[in-house]
N, C-alpha and C. Protein backbone atom coordinates (compact mmCIF):
# COMPACT_ATOMS: atom_id res chain seq x y z
N UNK A 1 0.84 -1.19 0.00
CA UNK A 1 0.00 0.00 0.00
C UNK A 1 0.88 1.25 0.00
N UNK A 2 0.68 2.12 -0.93
CA UNK A 2 1.54 3.30 -1.01
C UNK A 2 1.12 4.34 0.01
N UNK A 3 2.00 5.34 0.20
CA UNK A 3 1.72 6.38 1.20
C UNK A 3 0.52 7.22 0.82
N UNK A 4 0.13 7.19 -0.44
CA UNK A 4 -0.99 8.02 -0.88
C UNK A 4 -2.26 7.21 -1.11
N UNK A 5 -2.23 5.90 -0.88
CA UNK A 5 -3.40 5.08 -1.13
C UNK A 5 -4.44 5.26 -0.03
N UNK A 6 -5.69 5.05 -0.39
CA UNK A 6 -6.78 5.13 0.55
C UNK A 6 -7.47 3.77 0.58
N UNK A 7 -7.16 2.92 1.55
CA UNK A 7 -7.81 1.61 1.60
C UNK A 7 -9.32 1.77 1.74
N UNK A 8 -10.07 0.89 1.11
CA UNK A 8 -11.53 0.97 1.12
C UNK A 8 -12.13 -0.41 1.35
N UNK A 9 -13.40 -0.40 1.72
CA UNK A 9 -14.16 -1.64 1.81
C UNK A 9 -13.57 -2.65 2.76
N UNK A 10 -13.54 -3.91 2.34
CA UNK A 10 -13.07 -4.98 3.21
C UNK A 10 -11.60 -4.81 3.55
N UNK A 11 -10.81 -4.25 2.63
CA UNK A 11 -9.39 -3.99 2.92
C UNK A 11 -9.25 -3.04 4.10
N UNK A 12 -10.05 -1.99 4.10
CA UNK A 12 -10.00 -1.01 5.18
C UNK A 12 -10.46 -1.62 6.49
N UNK A 13 -11.54 -2.38 6.45
CA UNK A 13 -12.06 -2.99 7.66
C UNK A 13 -11.05 -3.97 8.25
N UNK A 14 -10.44 -4.78 7.40
CA UNK A 14 -9.44 -5.74 7.86
C UNK A 14 -8.23 -5.04 8.46
N UNK A 15 -7.80 -3.96 7.82
CA UNK A 15 -6.66 -3.20 8.33
C UNK A 15 -6.95 -2.64 9.72
N UNK A 16 -8.12 -2.05 9.89
CA UNK A 16 -8.47 -1.48 11.20
C UNK A 16 -8.59 -2.57 12.25
N UNK A 17 -9.16 -3.71 11.89
CA UNK A 17 -9.25 -4.83 12.83
C UNK A 17 -7.87 -5.31 13.24
N UNK A 18 -6.96 -5.40 12.28
CA UNK A 18 -5.60 -5.84 12.60
C UNK A 18 -4.93 -4.88 13.56
N UNK A 19 -5.16 -3.60 13.36
CA UNK A 19 -4.55 -2.60 14.26
C UNK A 19 -5.12 -2.73 15.68
N UNK A 20 -6.43 -2.94 15.77
CA UNK A 20 -7.04 -3.10 17.09
C UNK A 20 -6.52 -4.35 17.78
N UNK A 21 -6.42 -5.45 17.05
CA UNK A 21 -5.88 -6.67 17.63
C UNK A 21 -4.46 -6.45 18.16
N UNK A 22 -3.63 -5.79 17.36
CA UNK A 22 -2.23 -5.58 17.74
C UNK A 22 -2.11 -4.73 18.99
N UNK A 23 -2.94 -3.70 19.07
CA UNK A 23 -2.90 -2.83 20.25
C UNK A 23 -3.34 -3.60 21.49
N UNK A 24 -4.42 -4.34 21.38
CA UNK A 24 -4.90 -5.10 22.54
C UNK A 24 -3.84 -6.10 22.99
N UNK A 25 -3.17 -6.75 22.04
CA UNK A 25 -2.12 -7.71 22.40
C UNK A 25 -0.94 -7.03 23.07
N UNK A 26 -0.75 -5.74 22.79
CA UNK A 26 0.41 -5.02 23.34
C UNK A 26 0.17 -4.32 24.65
N UNK A 27 -1.04 -4.42 25.20
CA UNK A 27 -1.33 -3.73 26.47
C UNK A 27 -0.67 -4.46 27.63
N UNK A 28 0.19 -3.78 28.41
CA UNK A 28 0.74 -4.42 29.61
C UNK A 28 -0.38 -4.81 30.57
N UNK A 29 -0.22 -5.93 31.20
CA UNK A 29 -1.30 -6.50 32.02
C UNK A 29 -1.80 -5.54 33.08
N UNK A 30 -0.92 -4.72 33.64
CA UNK A 30 -1.31 -3.87 34.76
C UNK A 30 -1.81 -2.49 34.34
N UNK A 31 -2.08 -2.29 33.03
CA UNK A 31 -2.51 -0.96 32.60
C UNK A 31 -3.93 -0.92 32.04
N UNK A 32 -4.69 -1.99 32.21
CA UNK A 32 -6.05 -2.01 31.67
C UNK A 32 -6.98 -1.03 32.37
N UNK A 33 -6.61 -0.60 33.56
CA UNK A 33 -7.45 0.39 34.26
C UNK A 33 -6.96 1.82 34.04
N UNK A 34 -6.05 2.00 33.10
CA UNK A 34 -5.54 3.34 32.80
C UNK A 34 -6.64 4.21 32.19
N UNK A 35 -6.61 5.53 32.47
CA UNK A 35 -7.56 6.44 31.83
C UNK A 35 -7.27 6.55 30.35
N UNK A 36 -8.29 6.89 29.59
CA UNK A 36 -8.17 7.00 28.14
C UNK A 36 -8.71 8.35 27.67
N UNK A 37 -8.55 8.67 26.39
CA UNK A 37 -9.15 9.90 25.86
C UNK A 37 -10.68 9.91 25.90
N UNK A 38 -11.30 8.74 26.09
CA UNK A 38 -12.76 8.67 26.25
C UNK A 38 -13.09 9.01 27.71
N UNK A 39 -13.69 10.15 27.93
CA UNK A 39 -13.93 10.65 29.29
C UNK A 39 -14.53 9.58 30.19
N UNK A 40 -13.88 9.37 31.33
CA UNK A 40 -14.35 8.49 32.40
C UNK A 40 -14.32 7.00 32.04
N UNK A 41 -13.71 6.65 30.91
CA UNK A 41 -13.57 5.25 30.55
C UNK A 41 -12.13 4.81 30.67
N UNK A 42 -11.93 3.62 31.21
CA UNK A 42 -10.60 3.02 31.27
C UNK A 42 -10.31 2.28 29.97
N UNK A 43 -9.08 1.82 29.83
CA UNK A 43 -8.72 1.04 28.65
C UNK A 43 -9.58 -0.22 28.55
N UNK A 44 -9.88 -0.85 29.70
CA UNK A 44 -10.73 -2.05 29.69
C UNK A 44 -12.12 -1.72 29.19
N UNK A 45 -12.67 -0.59 29.60
CA UNK A 45 -14.00 -0.20 29.14
C UNK A 45 -14.01 0.10 27.64
N UNK A 46 -12.95 0.74 27.15
CA UNK A 46 -12.88 1.01 25.71
C UNK A 46 -12.82 -0.30 24.93
N UNK A 47 -12.05 -1.26 25.41
CA UNK A 47 -12.00 -2.56 24.74
C UNK A 47 -13.38 -3.22 24.72
N UNK A 48 -14.06 -3.23 25.87
CA UNK A 48 -15.38 -3.85 25.92
C UNK A 48 -16.37 -3.11 25.00
N UNK A 49 -16.29 -1.80 24.98
CA UNK A 49 -17.14 -1.00 24.09
C UNK A 49 -16.86 -1.31 22.63
N UNK A 50 -15.58 -1.36 22.27
CA UNK A 50 -15.20 -1.63 20.88
C UNK A 50 -15.68 -3.01 20.43
N UNK A 51 -15.55 -4.00 21.31
CA UNK A 51 -16.02 -5.35 20.96
C UNK A 51 -17.53 -5.35 20.74
N UNK A 52 -18.27 -4.70 21.62
CA UNK A 52 -19.72 -4.66 21.49
C UNK A 52 -20.15 -3.91 20.24
N UNK A 53 -19.45 -2.82 19.93
CA UNK A 53 -19.76 -2.08 18.71
C UNK A 53 -19.57 -2.95 17.47
N UNK A 54 -18.44 -3.66 17.41
CA UNK A 54 -18.19 -4.50 16.25
C UNK A 54 -19.21 -5.62 16.16
N UNK A 55 -19.58 -6.17 17.31
CA UNK A 55 -20.60 -7.21 17.32
C UNK A 55 -21.91 -6.69 16.73
N UNK A 56 -22.24 -5.44 17.05
CA UNK A 56 -23.47 -4.84 16.53
C UNK A 56 -23.41 -4.65 15.02
N UNK A 57 -22.24 -4.32 14.49
CA UNK A 57 -22.12 -4.18 13.03
C UNK A 57 -22.39 -5.51 12.33
N UNK A 58 -21.89 -6.60 12.89
CA UNK A 58 -22.17 -7.90 12.30
C UNK A 58 -23.63 -8.29 12.44
N UNK A 59 -24.18 -8.06 13.64
CA UNK A 59 -25.56 -8.45 13.91
C UNK A 59 -26.56 -7.67 13.07
N UNK A 60 -26.24 -6.43 12.75
CA UNK A 60 -27.14 -5.62 11.94
C UNK A 60 -27.35 -6.24 10.57
N UNK A 61 -26.31 -6.89 10.05
CA UNK A 61 -26.40 -7.52 8.73
C UNK A 61 -27.09 -8.87 8.83
N UNK A 62 -26.70 -9.67 9.81
CA UNK A 62 -27.20 -11.05 9.90
C UNK A 62 -28.53 -11.16 10.62
N UNK A 63 -28.82 -10.16 11.46
CA UNK A 63 -30.05 -10.21 12.24
C UNK A 63 -29.94 -11.04 13.50
N UNK A 64 -28.77 -11.58 13.79
CA UNK A 64 -28.57 -12.40 14.98
C UNK A 64 -27.28 -11.99 15.68
N UNK A 65 -27.17 -12.38 16.95
CA UNK A 65 -25.94 -12.14 17.69
C UNK A 65 -25.78 -10.74 18.22
N UNK A 66 -26.90 -10.06 18.47
CA UNK A 66 -26.81 -8.70 19.01
C UNK A 66 -26.16 -8.73 20.39
N UNK A 67 -25.40 -7.68 20.74
CA UNK A 67 -24.79 -7.62 22.07
C UNK A 67 -25.85 -7.70 23.17
N UNK A 68 -25.49 -8.36 24.25
CA UNK A 68 -26.42 -8.50 25.37
C UNK A 68 -26.28 -7.38 26.38
N UNK A 69 -25.29 -6.51 26.20
CA UNK A 69 -25.12 -5.38 27.11
C UNK A 69 -24.95 -4.10 26.30
N UNK A 70 -25.05 -2.98 26.98
CA UNK A 70 -25.05 -1.66 26.36
C UNK A 70 -23.62 -1.22 26.07
N UNK A 71 -23.30 -1.01 24.80
CA UNK A 71 -21.95 -0.60 24.44
C UNK A 71 -21.58 0.75 25.02
N UNK A 72 -22.57 1.58 25.34
CA UNK A 72 -22.27 2.90 25.86
C UNK A 72 -22.22 2.96 27.38
N UNK A 73 -22.37 1.80 28.00
CA UNK A 73 -22.12 1.65 29.44
C UNK A 73 -21.29 0.39 29.63
N UNK A 74 -20.06 0.38 29.09
CA UNK A 74 -19.26 -0.84 29.11
C UNK A 74 -18.75 -1.20 30.49
N UNK A 75 -18.64 -2.48 30.72
CA UNK A 75 -18.12 -3.01 31.97
C UNK A 75 -16.66 -2.59 32.12
N UNK A 76 -16.26 -2.29 33.34
CA UNK A 76 -14.88 -1.89 33.59
C UNK A 76 -13.97 -3.04 33.94
N UNK A 77 -14.52 -4.24 34.00
CA UNK A 77 -13.69 -5.41 34.28
C UNK A 77 -13.30 -6.08 32.97
N UNK A 78 -12.23 -6.84 33.03
CA UNK A 78 -11.74 -7.52 31.84
C UNK A 78 -11.78 -9.01 32.12
N UNK A 79 -12.67 -9.70 31.41
CA UNK A 79 -12.81 -11.13 31.61
C UNK A 79 -11.61 -11.88 31.04
N UNK A 80 -11.35 -13.05 31.60
CA UNK A 80 -10.31 -13.90 31.04
C UNK A 80 -10.69 -14.24 29.60
N UNK A 81 -9.70 -14.18 28.72
CA UNK A 81 -9.98 -14.49 27.32
C UNK A 81 -10.58 -13.34 26.55
N UNK A 82 -10.48 -12.11 27.08
CA UNK A 82 -11.08 -10.95 26.41
C UNK A 82 -10.49 -10.74 25.02
N UNK A 83 -9.19 -10.92 24.88
CA UNK A 83 -8.55 -10.73 23.58
C UNK A 83 -9.04 -11.78 22.59
N UNK A 84 -9.21 -13.01 23.05
CA UNK A 84 -9.69 -14.07 22.18
C UNK A 84 -11.14 -13.80 21.76
N UNK A 85 -11.93 -13.29 22.68
CA UNK A 85 -13.32 -12.97 22.35
C UNK A 85 -13.39 -11.84 21.34
N UNK A 86 -12.53 -10.83 21.51
CA UNK A 86 -12.47 -9.75 20.53
C UNK A 86 -12.09 -10.31 19.16
N UNK A 87 -11.09 -11.16 19.11
CA UNK A 87 -10.65 -11.74 17.84
C UNK A 87 -11.79 -12.50 17.17
N UNK A 88 -12.56 -13.24 17.95
CA UNK A 88 -13.69 -13.98 17.41
C UNK A 88 -14.72 -13.04 16.80
N UNK A 89 -15.03 -11.95 17.50
CA UNK A 89 -16.01 -10.99 16.99
C UNK A 89 -15.50 -10.32 15.72
N UNK A 90 -14.24 -9.91 15.72
CA UNK A 90 -13.69 -9.24 14.54
C UNK A 90 -13.70 -10.17 13.34
N UNK A 91 -13.35 -11.43 13.55
CA UNK A 91 -13.36 -12.39 12.45
C UNK A 91 -14.76 -12.58 11.90
N UNK A 92 -15.75 -12.61 12.78
CA UNK A 92 -17.14 -12.76 12.34
C UNK A 92 -17.58 -11.57 11.51
N UNK A 93 -17.27 -10.37 11.98
CA UNK A 93 -17.68 -9.16 11.26
C UNK A 93 -17.01 -9.09 9.90
N UNK A 94 -15.71 -9.37 9.87
CA UNK A 94 -14.99 -9.35 8.60
C UNK A 94 -15.57 -10.37 7.64
N UNK A 95 -15.94 -11.54 8.15
CA UNK A 95 -16.53 -12.57 7.31
C UNK A 95 -17.87 -12.14 6.73
N UNK A 96 -18.68 -11.48 7.57
CA UNK A 96 -19.98 -10.99 7.10
C UNK A 96 -19.79 -9.96 5.99
N UNK A 97 -18.88 -9.02 6.20
CA UNK A 97 -18.68 -7.97 5.20
C UNK A 97 -18.02 -8.51 3.94
N UNK A 98 -17.17 -9.51 4.09
CA UNK A 98 -16.53 -10.10 2.91
C UNK A 98 -17.55 -10.77 2.01
N UNK A 99 -18.68 -11.17 2.57
CA UNK A 99 -19.71 -11.82 1.78
C UNK A 99 -20.69 -10.87 1.13
N UNK A 100 -20.52 -9.57 1.34
CA UNK A 100 -21.43 -8.58 0.77
C UNK A 100 -20.87 -8.03 -0.54
N UNK A 101 -21.71 -7.68 -1.49
CA UNK A 101 -21.23 -7.04 -2.72
C UNK A 101 -20.75 -5.62 -2.44
N UNK A 102 -19.58 -5.29 -2.94
CA UNK A 102 -19.00 -3.99 -2.63
C UNK A 102 -19.73 -2.83 -3.30
N UNK A 103 -20.64 -3.15 -4.24
CA UNK A 103 -21.43 -2.09 -4.85
C UNK A 103 -22.82 -1.99 -4.23
N UNK A 104 -23.03 -2.69 -3.11
CA UNK A 104 -24.33 -2.65 -2.46
C UNK A 104 -24.64 -1.23 -2.00
N UNK A 105 -25.82 -0.76 -2.33
CA UNK A 105 -26.23 0.59 -1.94
C UNK A 105 -26.86 0.64 -0.56
N UNK A 106 -27.27 -0.51 -0.03
CA UNK A 106 -27.85 -0.56 1.31
C UNK A 106 -27.28 -1.75 2.07
N UNK A 107 -26.54 -1.44 3.12
CA UNK A 107 -26.06 -2.45 4.06
C UNK A 107 -26.60 -2.06 5.43
N UNK A 108 -27.23 -2.98 6.09
CA UNK A 108 -27.77 -2.69 7.42
C UNK A 108 -26.63 -2.45 8.41
N UNK A 109 -26.73 -1.37 9.17
CA UNK A 109 -25.75 -1.06 10.21
C UNK A 109 -26.48 -0.59 11.45
N UNK A 110 -25.80 -0.49 12.59
CA UNK A 110 -26.45 0.08 13.78
C UNK A 110 -26.86 1.53 13.58
N UNK A 111 -26.36 2.18 12.53
CA UNK A 111 -26.67 3.58 12.24
C UNK A 111 -27.71 3.71 11.13
N UNK A 112 -28.28 2.61 10.72
CA UNK A 112 -29.21 2.62 9.61
C UNK A 112 -28.53 2.12 8.35
N UNK A 113 -29.29 1.98 7.25
CA UNK A 113 -28.71 1.46 6.01
C UNK A 113 -27.74 2.46 5.39
N UNK A 114 -26.60 1.93 4.93
CA UNK A 114 -25.56 2.75 4.30
C UNK A 114 -25.00 2.01 3.10
N UNK A 115 -24.46 2.74 2.12
CA UNK A 115 -23.74 2.06 1.03
C UNK A 115 -22.58 1.25 1.60
N UNK A 116 -22.23 0.18 0.91
CA UNK A 116 -21.22 -0.74 1.43
C UNK A 116 -19.95 -0.02 1.88
N UNK A 117 -19.40 0.83 1.05
CA UNK A 117 -18.12 1.44 1.39
C UNK A 117 -18.23 2.33 2.63
N UNK A 118 -19.37 3.00 2.79
CA UNK A 118 -19.56 3.84 3.97
C UNK A 118 -19.75 2.96 5.20
N UNK A 119 -20.52 1.89 5.06
CA UNK A 119 -20.74 0.98 6.18
C UNK A 119 -19.43 0.36 6.65
N UNK A 120 -18.62 -0.12 5.70
CA UNK A 120 -17.33 -0.70 6.06
C UNK A 120 -16.42 0.34 6.70
N UNK A 121 -16.45 1.56 6.18
CA UNK A 121 -15.62 2.62 6.74
C UNK A 121 -16.09 3.00 8.14
N UNK A 122 -17.40 2.93 8.38
CA UNK A 122 -17.92 3.25 9.71
C UNK A 122 -17.46 2.22 10.73
N UNK A 123 -17.55 0.95 10.39
CA UNK A 123 -17.07 -0.10 11.29
C UNK A 123 -15.57 0.01 11.49
N UNK A 124 -14.86 0.33 10.41
CA UNK A 124 -13.41 0.49 10.49
C UNK A 124 -13.03 1.68 11.35
N UNK A 125 -13.76 2.79 11.21
CA UNK A 125 -13.49 3.98 12.02
C UNK A 125 -13.63 3.66 13.50
N UNK A 126 -14.67 2.94 13.84
CA UNK A 126 -14.90 2.58 15.24
C UNK A 126 -13.72 1.78 15.78
N UNK A 127 -13.29 0.78 15.03
CA UNK A 127 -12.17 -0.06 15.49
C UNK A 127 -10.86 0.72 15.54
N UNK A 128 -10.60 1.52 14.51
CA UNK A 128 -9.32 2.22 14.42
C UNK A 128 -9.18 3.29 15.49
N UNK A 129 -10.23 4.05 15.71
CA UNK A 129 -10.14 5.14 16.69
C UNK A 129 -10.06 4.58 18.11
N UNK A 130 -10.78 3.51 18.38
CA UNK A 130 -10.67 2.92 19.72
C UNK A 130 -9.33 2.21 19.90
N UNK A 131 -8.75 1.72 18.82
CA UNK A 131 -7.38 1.21 18.92
C UNK A 131 -6.44 2.33 19.34
N UNK A 132 -6.64 3.51 18.76
CA UNK A 132 -5.82 4.66 19.15
C UNK A 132 -6.04 5.01 20.61
N UNK A 133 -7.29 5.03 21.05
CA UNK A 133 -7.60 5.34 22.46
C UNK A 133 -6.82 4.43 23.40
N UNK A 134 -6.87 3.14 23.13
CA UNK A 134 -6.21 2.17 24.00
C UNK A 134 -4.69 2.31 23.90
N UNK A 135 -4.19 2.53 22.70
CA UNK A 135 -2.74 2.63 22.52
C UNK A 135 -2.16 3.81 23.30
N UNK A 136 -2.74 4.99 23.15
CA UNK A 136 -2.16 6.15 23.83
C UNK A 136 -2.35 6.07 25.33
N UNK A 137 -3.38 5.35 25.77
CA UNK A 137 -3.61 5.19 27.21
C UNK A 137 -2.62 4.25 27.85
N UNK A 138 -2.04 3.34 27.05
CA UNK A 138 -1.19 2.28 27.61
C UNK A 138 0.25 2.36 27.12
N UNK A 139 0.64 3.53 26.63
CA UNK A 139 2.04 3.75 26.28
C UNK A 139 2.51 3.13 24.99
N UNK A 140 1.59 2.87 24.06
CA UNK A 140 1.98 2.28 22.78
C UNK A 140 2.00 3.33 21.67
N UNK A 141 2.67 3.00 20.60
CA UNK A 141 2.69 3.88 19.44
C UNK A 141 1.30 3.94 18.81
N UNK A 142 1.00 5.05 18.19
CA UNK A 142 -0.31 5.20 17.56
C UNK A 142 -0.49 4.21 16.41
N UNK A 143 -1.62 3.50 16.39
CA UNK A 143 -1.90 2.60 15.28
C UNK A 143 -2.60 3.33 14.12
N UNK A 144 -2.93 4.60 14.34
CA UNK A 144 -3.71 5.35 13.36
C UNK A 144 -2.77 6.17 12.49
N UNK A 145 -2.28 5.57 11.40
CA UNK A 145 -1.42 6.32 10.49
C UNK A 145 -2.27 7.05 9.47
N UNK A 146 -1.62 7.81 8.60
CA UNK A 146 -2.36 8.64 7.67
C UNK A 146 -3.15 7.82 6.65
N UNK A 147 -2.64 6.66 6.25
CA UNK A 147 -3.36 5.81 5.31
C UNK A 147 -4.69 5.36 5.90
N UNK A 148 -4.63 4.87 7.12
CA UNK A 148 -5.84 4.40 7.77
C UNK A 148 -6.81 5.55 8.02
N UNK A 149 -6.27 6.69 8.44
CA UNK A 149 -7.12 7.86 8.69
C UNK A 149 -7.82 8.32 7.42
N UNK A 150 -7.12 8.31 6.30
CA UNK A 150 -7.73 8.71 5.03
C UNK A 150 -8.85 7.75 4.65
N UNK A 151 -8.67 6.48 4.94
CA UNK A 151 -9.70 5.51 4.61
C UNK A 151 -10.97 5.71 5.41
N UNK A 152 -10.84 5.93 6.71
CA UNK A 152 -12.04 6.04 7.55
C UNK A 152 -12.64 7.45 7.52
N UNK A 153 -11.94 8.40 6.92
CA UNK A 153 -12.48 9.76 6.86
C UNK A 153 -13.80 9.80 6.09
N UNK A 154 -13.99 8.87 5.16
CA UNK A 154 -15.24 8.78 4.42
C UNK A 154 -16.42 8.68 5.38
N UNK A 155 -16.29 7.82 6.38
CA UNK A 155 -17.36 7.64 7.35
C UNK A 155 -17.46 8.83 8.29
N UNK A 156 -16.31 9.36 8.71
CA UNK A 156 -16.33 10.50 9.64
C UNK A 156 -17.05 11.69 9.02
N UNK A 157 -16.72 11.99 7.77
CA UNK A 157 -17.34 13.15 7.13
C UNK A 157 -18.84 12.97 6.95
N UNK A 158 -19.26 11.75 6.72
CA UNK A 158 -20.68 11.51 6.47
C UNK A 158 -21.49 11.37 7.76
N UNK A 159 -20.89 10.83 8.81
CA UNK A 159 -21.67 10.42 9.97
C UNK A 159 -21.40 11.17 11.27
N UNK A 160 -20.20 11.72 11.44
CA UNK A 160 -19.81 12.21 12.76
C UNK A 160 -20.67 13.35 13.26
N UNK A 161 -20.97 14.31 12.41
CA UNK A 161 -21.78 15.45 12.88
C UNK A 161 -23.17 15.00 13.30
N UNK A 162 -23.76 14.10 12.54
CA UNK A 162 -25.08 13.59 12.92
C UNK A 162 -25.01 12.86 14.26
N UNK A 163 -24.01 12.00 14.43
CA UNK A 163 -23.87 11.27 15.69
C UNK A 163 -23.60 12.21 16.86
N UNK A 164 -22.83 13.24 16.60
CA UNK A 164 -22.52 14.22 17.63
C UNK A 164 -23.78 14.97 18.06
N UNK A 165 -24.55 15.41 17.07
CA UNK A 165 -25.73 16.23 17.36
C UNK A 165 -26.88 15.41 17.93
N UNK A 166 -27.08 14.21 17.39
CA UNK A 166 -28.23 13.41 17.78
C UNK A 166 -28.00 12.58 19.05
N UNK A 167 -26.78 12.12 19.24
CA UNK A 167 -26.52 11.17 20.32
C UNK A 167 -25.39 11.59 21.26
N UNK A 168 -24.68 12.66 20.95
CA UNK A 168 -23.58 13.08 21.81
C UNK A 168 -22.44 12.09 21.83
N UNK A 169 -22.27 11.34 20.74
CA UNK A 169 -21.25 10.29 20.71
C UNK A 169 -19.85 10.88 20.71
N UNK A 170 -19.65 11.98 20.01
CA UNK A 170 -18.33 12.61 19.93
C UNK A 170 -18.35 13.96 20.61
N UNK A 171 -17.22 14.36 21.19
CA UNK A 171 -17.07 15.72 21.70
C UNK A 171 -17.02 16.69 20.52
N UNK A 172 -17.19 17.98 20.78
CA UNK A 172 -17.10 18.95 19.68
C UNK A 172 -15.77 18.85 18.96
N UNK A 173 -15.81 19.10 17.67
CA UNK A 173 -14.58 19.06 16.87
C UNK A 173 -13.59 20.10 17.40
N UNK A 174 -12.32 19.76 17.36
CA UNK A 174 -11.26 20.66 17.80
C UNK A 174 -10.59 21.31 16.61
N UNK A 175 -10.09 22.51 16.82
CA UNK A 175 -9.29 23.16 15.79
C UNK A 175 -7.90 22.56 15.78
N UNK A 176 -7.31 22.48 14.59
CA UNK A 176 -5.94 21.97 14.48
C UNK A 176 -5.12 22.96 13.69
N UNK A 177 -3.83 23.04 13.96
CA UNK A 177 -2.98 23.98 13.22
C UNK A 177 -2.91 23.61 11.75
N UNK A 178 -2.64 24.59 10.91
CA UNK A 178 -2.41 24.32 9.50
C UNK A 178 -1.28 23.32 9.36
N UNK A 179 -1.40 22.43 8.41
CA UNK A 179 -0.36 21.46 8.18
C UNK A 179 -0.51 20.18 8.97
N UNK A 180 -1.56 20.08 9.82
CA UNK A 180 -1.80 18.85 10.55
C UNK A 180 -2.13 17.73 9.57
N UNK A 181 -1.56 16.58 9.77
CA UNK A 181 -1.76 15.45 8.86
C UNK A 181 -3.13 14.83 8.99
N UNK A 182 -3.44 13.87 8.11
CA UNK A 182 -4.76 13.24 8.12
C UNK A 182 -5.14 12.59 9.44
N UNK A 183 -4.20 11.92 10.10
CA UNK A 183 -4.53 11.24 11.35
C UNK A 183 -4.88 12.25 12.44
N UNK A 184 -4.05 13.28 12.59
CA UNK A 184 -4.34 14.30 13.59
C UNK A 184 -5.63 15.04 13.29
N UNK A 185 -5.87 15.33 12.03
CA UNK A 185 -7.09 16.04 11.64
C UNK A 185 -8.33 15.19 11.92
N UNK A 186 -8.24 13.89 11.65
CA UNK A 186 -9.37 13.01 11.92
C UNK A 186 -9.68 12.98 13.41
N UNK A 187 -8.65 12.79 14.23
CA UNK A 187 -8.86 12.73 15.67
C UNK A 187 -9.49 14.02 16.18
N UNK A 188 -8.99 15.16 15.71
CA UNK A 188 -9.53 16.44 16.14
C UNK A 188 -10.98 16.60 15.70
N UNK A 189 -11.29 16.17 14.48
CA UNK A 189 -12.66 16.26 13.98
C UNK A 189 -13.60 15.42 14.84
N UNK A 190 -13.10 14.31 15.36
CA UNK A 190 -13.90 13.44 16.22
C UNK A 190 -13.84 13.86 17.68
N UNK A 191 -13.31 15.05 17.95
CA UNK A 191 -13.33 15.60 19.29
C UNK A 191 -12.21 15.16 20.20
N UNK A 192 -11.20 14.51 19.64
CA UNK A 192 -10.09 14.04 20.45
C UNK A 192 -8.88 14.97 20.30
N UNK A 193 -8.06 15.03 21.34
CA UNK A 193 -6.81 15.77 21.29
C UNK A 193 -5.75 14.84 20.70
N UNK A 194 -5.25 15.13 19.50
CA UNK A 194 -4.26 14.23 18.89
C UNK A 194 -3.00 14.04 19.72
N UNK A 195 -2.77 14.96 20.67
CA UNK A 195 -1.57 14.89 21.51
C UNK A 195 -1.88 14.44 22.94
N UNK A 196 -3.02 13.80 23.11
CA UNK A 196 -3.45 13.38 24.44
C UNK A 196 -2.42 12.44 25.07
N UNK A 197 -2.21 12.62 26.36
CA UNK A 197 -1.39 11.68 27.15
C UNK A 197 -2.12 11.40 28.46
N UNK A 198 -1.84 10.29 29.10
CA UNK A 198 -2.52 9.99 30.37
C UNK A 198 -2.36 11.10 31.39
N UNK A 199 -1.18 11.72 31.43
CA UNK A 199 -0.95 12.79 32.40
C UNK A 199 -1.83 13.99 32.14
N UNK A 200 -2.28 14.15 30.89
CA UNK A 200 -3.10 15.30 30.55
C UNK A 200 -4.58 15.00 30.54
N UNK A 201 -4.93 13.80 31.00
CA UNK A 201 -6.35 13.43 30.96
C UNK A 201 -7.17 14.21 31.97
């Protein structure tokens, strides 16, 4: 993938899933209760939220397997095998999306029907941004590079303002200096401080 490419569809979703898996695998055992850029949520809560969100994306298409708990009130505990359960959910979602036609104009999502590329980008955005949340909270390098940010920007531009206004999902967009790259601009647009650190939480 070149520095100027914009991954789309199943490629984008798979890339974001891989980044989330890698970040979760890299979390030191004693840092799951660390604060994150998501106000009042720990790294464990962000992981549980991200898993439930991805589960909902798969269930919206298949009609089965809806989460049994509220993704917006995630548990702060981390069950044994949490990483394996996340991997299972991500594999299921990727499998569901891989079976859809990429020119589909309506794909069922938790946000309503969307064209395939927007739906895949929305699921990818959720995984990628929460991977970033967990990474910066636990001392890891950012998994959100400019390629990935450019790919999920499709969903951010189409959905973020509506989600912000209707559901309060994102904080207000932040201003960024001229010359800020795609990853920093995306995070700021979604209400996050691209330079967030645990000490500044």
